[in-house]
């Protein structure tokens, strides 16, 4: 009996040493099914802790590693998604990207990042995305009707992040930009501000344009007639440049400056303080959008609208993966309210 056992072990060892160990080899030696082995290596797989430890121990002994490429050939999925953003995006997006990456990683999905010079520069990125055969795309940039049609033709799930198309049947997760703008404007006007400057974003930024238009429209609804639109590009530098532009044109500063993002607001604050010795809030109120970490530093303490990044990224990931699993799901749009953060950078109605 001992001789037969030794011979069986030798035959098994020879088979394992003849090539790379497979899930079949692990399953046979561990005395489990191949599906059990697969669940051990799948994030969130349904399997007991004891069984997982047993299978992983055998896998380590055999030097087994799951082959993602082979698995993708079987499932016809790459287990990867693409995320498209613009380089003109501000400091708000690193947090978004970090949370998207973590949430996809928890589900065993890899993220390919495509950063564009501007929102209108998407053709080259899409050509690369098609080549990578990703399972779906989250886009934080606008796409043309022709590009949307290409997604439909290829049957690739697409979810827009912070881009809301009211006239198109697309999947989207967005913060209510107009609502946030109205809150800021209402409080500034109620506090007695009469002359306003709005520092805009890039012309091809859907979010920047929406915030600017919503702010301007609400000011006019409240009877404000002194409104100056100033060029901007979401950068720190454009905040200071816009302040200089307003002063050169009007010979004074506005009562309040509405910036379409926080980084521009921080640039405006520094320009007012250090270039013109203005007291922010007392002399000029400054507000922003997004709620980036720097906005809460004591030196800025910016009044802003913070976007619920955690809830938005979780919904975007779930929305996309639901449509990877079931391509026939109808389009869905989720609109989240921002949170008004009352800092000391602006005099507002309490």
Protein backbone atom coordinates (compact mmCIF):
# COMPACT_ATOMS: atom_id res chain seq x y z
CA UNK A 1 0.00 0.00 0.00
CA UNK A 2 2.83 2.37 0.94
CA UNK A 3 4.49 1.72 -2.41
CA UNK A 4 1.34 2.61 -4.31
CA UNK A 5 0.90 5.82 -2.32
CA UNK A 6 4.50 6.86 -2.98
CA UNK A 7 4.10 6.14 -6.68
CA UNK A 8 0.88 8.19 -6.85
CA UNK A 9 2.61 11.15 -5.18
CA UNK A 10 5.50 10.92 -7.62
CA UNK A 11 3.14 10.88 -10.60
CA UNK A 12 1.27 13.88 -9.21
CA UNK A 13 4.47 15.81 -8.55
CA UNK A 14 5.72 15.02 -12.06
CA UNK A 15 2.48 16.36 -13.53
CA UNK A 16 2.70 19.59 -11.50
CA UNK A 17 6.36 20.08 -12.44
CA UNK A 18 5.70 19.55 -16.13
CA UNK A 19 4.22 23.02 -16.57
CA UNK A 20 2.42 25.93 -14.95
CA UNK A 21 -0.13 24.82 -12.37
CA UNK A 22 -3.77 25.28 -13.35
CA UNK A 23 -6.97 25.74 -11.37
CA UNK A 24 -7.70 22.09 -12.20
CA UNK A 25 -4.48 21.05 -10.47
CA UNK A 26 -5.37 23.12 -7.39
CA UNK A 27 -8.92 21.79 -7.30
CA UNK A 28 -7.77 18.16 -7.56
CA UNK A 29 -5.14 18.43 -4.86
CA UNK A 30 -7.43 20.42 -2.53
CA UNK A 31 -10.32 18.07 -3.18
CA UNK A 32 -12.69 20.81 -4.32
CA UNK A 33 -14.36 21.89 -7.56
CA UNK A 34 -12.81 24.33 -10.01
CA UNK A 35 -15.64 26.76 -9.32
CA UNK A 36 -14.59 26.76 -5.66
CA UNK A 37 -11.03 27.65 -6.69
CA UNK A 38 -12.37 30.46 -8.88
CA UNK A 39 -14.45 31.90 -6.02
CA UNK A 40 -11.35 31.98 -3.81
CA UNK A 41 -9.64 34.37 -6.21
CA UNK A 42 -12.70 36.46 -7.02
CA UNK A 43 -13.19 39.61 -4.86
CA UNK A 44 -16.35 39.13 -2.84
CA UNK A 45 -16.60 35.47 -3.87
CA UNK A 46 -19.03 33.39 -1.79
CA UNK A 47 -16.81 30.98 0.14
CA UNK A 48 -16.04 30.25 3.79
CA UNK A 49 -12.88 31.52 5.43
CA UNK A 50 -11.74 27.98 6.24
CA UNK A 51 -12.22 26.77 2.66
CA UNK A 52 -10.48 29.86 1.24
CA UNK A 53 -7.45 29.30 3.47
CA UNK A 54 -7.29 25.64 2.42
CA UNK A 55 -7.41 26.41 -1.30
CA UNK A 56 -4.96 29.31 -1.05
CA UNK A 57 -2.49 27.11 0.82
CA UNK A 58 -2.61 24.49 -1.95
CA UNK A 59 -2.33 27.20 -4.61
CA UNK A 60 0.79 28.57 -2.91
CA UNK A 61 2.34 25.11 -2.74
CA UNK A 62 1.76 24.59 -6.47
CA UNK A 63 2.74 28.13 -7.45
CA UNK A 64 -0.67 28.73 -8.99
CA UNK A 65 -1.69 32.24 -10.05
CA UNK A 66 -5.01 33.07 -11.78
CA UNK A 67 -4.60 33.99 -15.44
CA UNK A 68 -6.63 37.13 -16.06
CA UNK A 69 -6.15 36.90 -19.84
CA UNK A 70 -7.35 33.31 -19.98
CA UNK A 71 -10.34 34.18 -17.81
CA UNK A 72 -11.26 37.09 -20.08
CA UNK A 73 -11.21 34.75 -23.09
CA UNK A 74 -13.68 32.47 -21.34
CA UNK A 75 -15.98 35.21 -20.00
CA UNK A 76 -15.50 37.48 -23.04
CA UNK A 77 -14.84 40.35 -20.65
CA UNK A 78 -11.64 42.25 -20.02
CA UNK A 79 -12.54 43.00 -16.38
CA UNK A 80 -11.39 46.55 -17.06
CA UNK A 81 -13.13 49.88 -17.49
CA UNK A 82 -12.01 53.22 -18.86
CA UNK A 83 -12.31 56.56 -17.08
CA UNK A 84 -12.05 59.71 -19.21
CA UNK A 85 -11.25 63.09 -17.67
CA UNK A 86 -9.85 66.40 -18.87
CA UNK A 87 -6.49 67.84 -17.82
CA UNK A 88 -8.28 71.15 -17.28
CA UNK A 89 -10.18 69.48 -14.45
CA UNK A 90 -9.33 70.92 -11.07
CA UNK A 91 -8.10 69.47 -7.80
CA UNK A 92 -11.52 67.96 -7.17
CA UNK A 93 -10.86 65.06 -9.54
CA UNK A 94 -7.94 63.29 -7.77
CA UNK A 95 -10.39 62.43 -4.99
CA UNK A 96 -12.94 61.25 -7.56
CA UNK A 97 -10.36 59.10 -9.35
CA UNK A 98 -9.11 57.63 -6.10
CA UNK A 99 -12.59 56.62 -5.02
CA UNK A 100 -13.55 55.27 -8.44
CA UNK A 101 -10.37 53.18 -8.57
CA UNK A 102 -10.91 51.80 -5.08
CA UNK A 103 -14.54 50.90 -5.71
CA UNK A 104 -13.73 49.14 -8.98
CA UNK A 105 -10.74 47.38 -7.40
CA UNK A 106 -12.97 46.04 -4.63
CA UNK A 107 -14.99 44.39 -7.38
CA UNK A 108 -11.93 42.97 -9.16
CA UNK A 109 -12.04 45.50 -11.99
CA UNK A 110 -9.00 47.35 -13.37
CA UNK A 111 -9.22 51.04 -14.31
CA UNK A 112 -7.59 52.55 -17.40
CA UNK A 113 -7.28 56.35 -17.14
CA UNK A 114 -7.48 58.57 -20.22
CA UNK A 115 -6.64 62.22 -19.51
CA UNK A 116 -7.43 64.71 -22.28
CA UNK A 117 -5.97 68.14 -22.91
CA UNK A 118 -9.50 69.52 -23.17
CA UNK A 119 -13.04 68.16 -23.03
CA UNK A 120 -13.44 68.49 -26.78
CA UNK A 121 -10.40 66.30 -27.50
CA UNK A 122 -11.93 62.82 -27.29
CA UNK A 123 -11.53 61.07 -30.66
CA UNK A 124 -8.00 59.73 -30.04
CA UNK A 125 -8.90 58.52 -26.55
CA UNK A 126 -11.93 56.64 -27.83
CA UNK A 127 -9.86 54.91 -30.52
CA UNK A 128 -7.53 53.62 -27.80
CA UNK A 129 -10.46 52.60 -25.61
CA UNK A 130 -11.92 50.48 -28.40
CA UNK A 131 -8.56 48.72 -28.81
CA UNK A 132 -8.37 47.84 -25.12
CA UNK A 133 -11.78 46.16 -25.30
CA UNK A 134 -12.88 47.59 -21.97
CA UNK A 135 -16.19 46.41 -20.52
CA UNK A 136 -17.51 49.94 -20.02
CA UNK A 137 -16.63 53.62 -19.70
CA UNK A 138 -17.15 56.39 -17.16
CA UNK A 139 -16.79 59.77 -18.82
CA UNK A 140 -16.21 63.04 -16.98
CA UNK A 141 -16.07 64.87 -20.32
CA UNK A 142 -18.75 65.67 -22.87
CA UNK A 143 -19.19 63.51 -25.97
CA UNK A 144 -20.69 64.37 -29.33
CA UNK A 145 -23.84 62.74 -30.71
CA UNK A 146 -21.64 60.82 -33.18
CA UNK A 147 -19.50 59.49 -30.36
CA UNK A 148 -22.57 58.49 -28.36
CA UNK A 149 -23.85 56.63 -31.42
CA UNK A 150 -20.54 54.73 -31.58
CA UNK A 151 -21.06 53.51 -28.00
CA UNK A 152 -24.50 52.24 -28.97
CA UNK A 153 -23.13 50.57 -32.09
CA UNK A 154 -20.45 48.77 -30.10
CA UNK A 155 -22.87 48.04 -27.24
CA UNK A 156 -20.46 49.49 -24.69
CA UNK A 157 -22.04 50.71 -21.44
CA UNK A 158 -21.37 54.39 -20.75
CA UNK A 159 -21.98 56.45 -17.61
CA UNK A 160 -21.38 60.18 -17.46
CA UNK A 161 -19.89 61.52 -14.24
CA UNK A 162 -20.91 65.07 -13.34
CA UNK A 163 -22.21 65.64 -16.86
CA UNK A 164 -25.98 65.84 -17.15
CA UNK A 165 -27.78 65.72 -20.49
CA UNK A 166 -31.45 66.57 -19.94
CA UNK A 167 -32.30 66.13 -23.63
CA UNK A 168 -30.53 62.79 -24.19
CA UNK A 169 -31.31 59.29 -22.96
CA UNK A 170 -27.95 58.53 -21.33
CA UNK A 171 -26.73 57.16 -18.01
CA UNK A 172 -25.48 59.93 -15.75
CA UNK A 173 -24.52 60.68 -12.15
CA UNK A 174 -24.31 64.37 -11.37
CA UNK A 175 -24.33 66.97 -8.63
CA UNK A 176 -27.09 69.55 -9.07
CA UNK A 177 -24.93 72.47 -10.23
CA UNK A 178 -27.87 74.85 -10.70
CA UNK A 179 -29.21 74.19 -7.20
CA UNK A 180 -25.79 74.88 -5.67
CA UNK A 181 -25.44 78.11 -7.66
CA UNK A 182 -28.85 79.31 -6.51
CA UNK A 183 -28.00 78.68 -2.86
CA UNK A 184 -24.78 80.69 -3.13
CA UNK A 185 -26.43 83.57 -4.99
CA UNK A 186 -29.44 83.70 -2.67
CA UNK A 187 -27.24 84.04 0.42
CA UNK A 188 -24.91 86.60 -1.16
CA UNK A 189 -27.74 88.83 -2.35
CA UNK A 190 -29.56 88.50 0.99
CA UNK A 191 -26.38 89.74 2.70
CA UNK A 192 -26.54 92.96 0.67
CA UNK A 193 -24.06 92.39 -2.16
CA UNK A 194 -24.97 94.35 -5.29
CA UNK A 195 -21.98 94.18 -7.68
CA UNK A 196 -20.90 90.73 -8.80
CA UNK A 197 -18.11 89.14 -10.82
CA UNK A 198 -18.39 85.57 -12.08
CA UNK A 199 -15.09 83.89 -12.97
CA UNK A 200 -15.97 81.29 -15.61
CA UNK A 201 -14.37 77.99 -16.62
CA UNK A 202 -13.24 76.71 -20.04
CA UNK A 203 -15.79 77.19 -22.80
CA UNK A 204 -15.93 73.44 -23.47
CA UNK A 205 -16.55 72.51 -19.82
CA UNK A 206 -20.18 71.48 -19.35
CA UNK A 207 -19.95 71.86 -15.57
CA UNK A 208 -18.27 75.27 -15.69
CA UNK A 209 -20.80 76.65 -18.17
CA UNK A 210 -23.75 75.28 -16.19
CA UNK A 211 -22.52 76.85 -12.95
CA UNK A 212 -21.86 80.20 -14.63
CA UNK A 213 -25.22 80.29 -16.38
CA UNK A 214 -27.15 79.23 -13.29
CA UNK A 215 -25.41 81.88 -11.17
CA UNK A 216 -26.01 84.62 -13.73
CA UNK A 217 -29.66 83.63 -14.24
CA UNK A 218 -30.40 83.65 -10.50
CA UNK A 219 -28.73 87.05 -10.03
CA UNK A 220 -30.92 88.52 -12.74
CA UNK A 221 -34.03 86.92 -11.22
CA UNK A 222 -33.19 88.70 -7.96
CA UNK A 223 -32.83 92.04 -9.73
CA UNK A 224 -29.04 92.31 -9.76
CA UNK A 225 -27.89 94.37 -12.77
CA UNK A 226 -24.15 94.70 -12.13
CA UNK A 227 -22.74 91.35 -13.30
CA UNK A 228 -19.32 90.98 -14.95
CA UNK A 229 -18.34 87.68 -16.60
CA UNK A 230 -14.60 87.07 -16.45
CA UNK A 231 -12.58 84.50 -18.39
CA UNK A 232 -11.17 81.53 -16.50
CA UNK A 233 -9.86 78.00 -17.00
CA UNK A 234 -10.30 76.41 -13.54
CA UNK A 235 -6.70 77.25 -12.59
CA UNK A 236 -5.29 79.08 -9.56
CA UNK A 237 -3.64 81.64 -11.85
CA UNK A 238 -6.85 82.63 -13.61
CA UNK A 239 -8.38 83.69 -10.30
CA UNK A 240 -5.79 86.43 -9.84
CA UNK A 241 -5.88 87.40 -13.52
CA UNK A 242 -9.65 87.82 -13.41
CA UNK A 243 -9.43 90.07 -10.34
CA UNK A 244 -6.94 92.29 -12.17
CA UNK A 245 -9.15 92.36 -15.26
CA UNK A 246 -12.18 93.52 -13.27
CA UNK A 247 -10.22 96.24 -11.48
CA UNK A 248 -8.70 97.55 -14.72
CA UNK A 249 -12.12 97.69 -16.38
CA UNK A 250 -14.14 99.19 -13.51
CA UNK A 251 -11.52 100.89 -11.35
CA UNK A 252 -12.69 99.04 -8.23
CA UNK A 253 -13.47 95.57 -6.93
CA UNK A 254 -16.90 93.88 -6.92
CA UNK A 255 -18.84 93.23 -3.74
CA UNK A 256 -18.74 89.49 -4.42
CA UNK A 257 -16.83 87.09 -6.67
CA UNK A 258 -18.48 83.82 -7.69
CA UNK A 259 -15.94 81.30 -8.99
CA UNK A 260 -17.07 78.16 -10.82
CA UNK A 261 -14.52 76.06 -8.92
CA UNK A 262 -12.57 76.22 -5.67
CA UNK A 263 -9.05 76.46 -7.11
CA UNK A 264 -9.95 79.63 -9.01
CA UNK A 265 -11.54 81.03 -5.83
CA UNK A 266 -8.32 80.36 -3.90
CA UNK A 267 -6.35 82.23 -6.58
CA UNK A 268 -8.77 85.17 -6.35
CA UNK A 269 -8.44 85.26 -2.54
CA UNK A 270 -4.65 85.36 -2.67
CA UNK A 271 -4.69 88.10 -5.32
CA UNK A 272 -7.07 90.26 -3.28
CA UNK A 273 -5.05 89.79 -0.09
CA UNK A 274 -1.48 89.97 -1.25
CA UNK A 275 -1.69 92.16 -4.35
CA UNK A 276 -4.26 94.67 -3.12
CA UNK A 277 -4.33 94.32 0.68
CA UNK A 278 -8.07 93.62 0.63
CA UNK A 279 -9.86 91.99 3.52
CA UNK A 280 -11.66 88.99 2.12
CA UNK A 281 -15.28 88.89 3.26
CA UNK A 282 -15.18 92.42 4.69
CA UNK A 283 -14.14 94.14 1.44
CA UNK A 284 -14.90 91.42 -1.13
CA UNK A 285 -16.73 88.13 -0.66
CA UNK A 286 -15.44 85.10 -2.57
CA UNK A 287 -17.24 81.78 -3.08
CA UNK A 288 -16.43 78.62 -5.05
CA UNK A 289 -17.69 75.16 -6.02
CA UNK A 290 -16.55 71.56 -5.35
CA UNK A 291 -15.35 71.44 -1.73
CA UNK A 292 -11.72 70.40 -2.35
CA UNK A 293 -9.46 69.78 0.65
CA UNK A 294 -7.53 73.05 0.25
CA UNK A 295 -10.78 75.03 0.45
CA UNK A 296 -11.05 74.06 4.12
CA UNK A 297 -7.54 75.18 5.08
CA UNK A 298 -7.62 77.90 7.74
CA UNK A 299 -5.95 80.43 5.43
CA UNK A 300 -8.85 80.17 2.95
CA UNK A 301 -11.89 78.75 4.79
CA UNK A 302 -13.83 79.02 1.57
CA UNK A 303 -17.58 79.28 1.32
CA UNK A 304 -18.39 76.67 -1.30
CA UNK A 305 -20.73 73.89 -2.41
CA UNK A 306 -19.24 70.47 -1.64
CA UNK A 307 -20.12 67.59 -3.91
CA UNK A 308 -20.96 64.21 -2.29
CA UNK A 309 -18.09 62.39 -3.99
CA UNK A 310 -18.47 59.16 -2.04
CA UNK A 311 -22.13 58.65 -2.91
CA UNK A 312 -21.65 59.83 -6.49
CA UNK A 313 -18.73 57.49 -7.26
CA UNK A 314 -20.47 54.52 -5.65
CA UNK A 315 -23.56 55.12 -7.76
CA UNK A 316 -21.53 55.59 -10.96
CA UNK A 317 -19.67 52.31 -10.42
CA UNK A 318 -22.85 50.39 -9.63
CA UNK A 319 -24.69 51.93 -12.57
CA UNK A 320 -21.93 50.95 -15.00
CA UNK A 321 -21.42 47.40 -13.74
CA UNK A 322 -25.16 46.78 -13.68
CA UNK A 323 -25.19 47.54 -17.40
CA UNK A 324 -22.15 45.36 -18.05
CA UNK A 325 -24.14 42.50 -16.53
CA UNK A 326 -27.42 43.50 -18.17
CA UNK A 327 -26.97 45.65 -21.33
CA UNK A 328 -30.74 45.92 -21.78
CA UNK A 329 -31.28 48.07 -18.69
CA UNK A 330 -32.87 51.44 -19.58
CA UNK A 331 -30.93 54.72 -19.21
CA UNK A 332 -30.80 56.13 -15.69
CA UNK A 333 -29.94 59.55 -14.29
CA UNK A 334 -29.09 60.28 -10.65
CA UNK A 335 -28.94 63.87 -9.43
CA UNK A 336 -27.32 64.57 -6.05
CA UNK A 337 -27.63 67.75 -4.00
CA UNK A 338 -24.42 69.48 -2.99
CA UNK A 339 -23.75 70.55 0.59
CA UNK A 340 -23.42 74.26 1.34
CA UNK A 341 -20.23 74.92 3.32
CA UNK A 342 -20.28 78.29 5.07
CA UNK A 343 -16.68 79.49 5.45
CA UNK A 344 -15.30 82.90 6.35
CA UNK A 345 -14.41 83.92 2.78
CA UNK A 346 -17.82 85.47 2.17
CA UNK A 347 -20.36 87.60 3.97
CA UNK A 348 -23.62 85.73 3.59
CA UNK A 349 -27.01 85.76 5.24
CA UNK A 350 -26.93 83.59 8.36
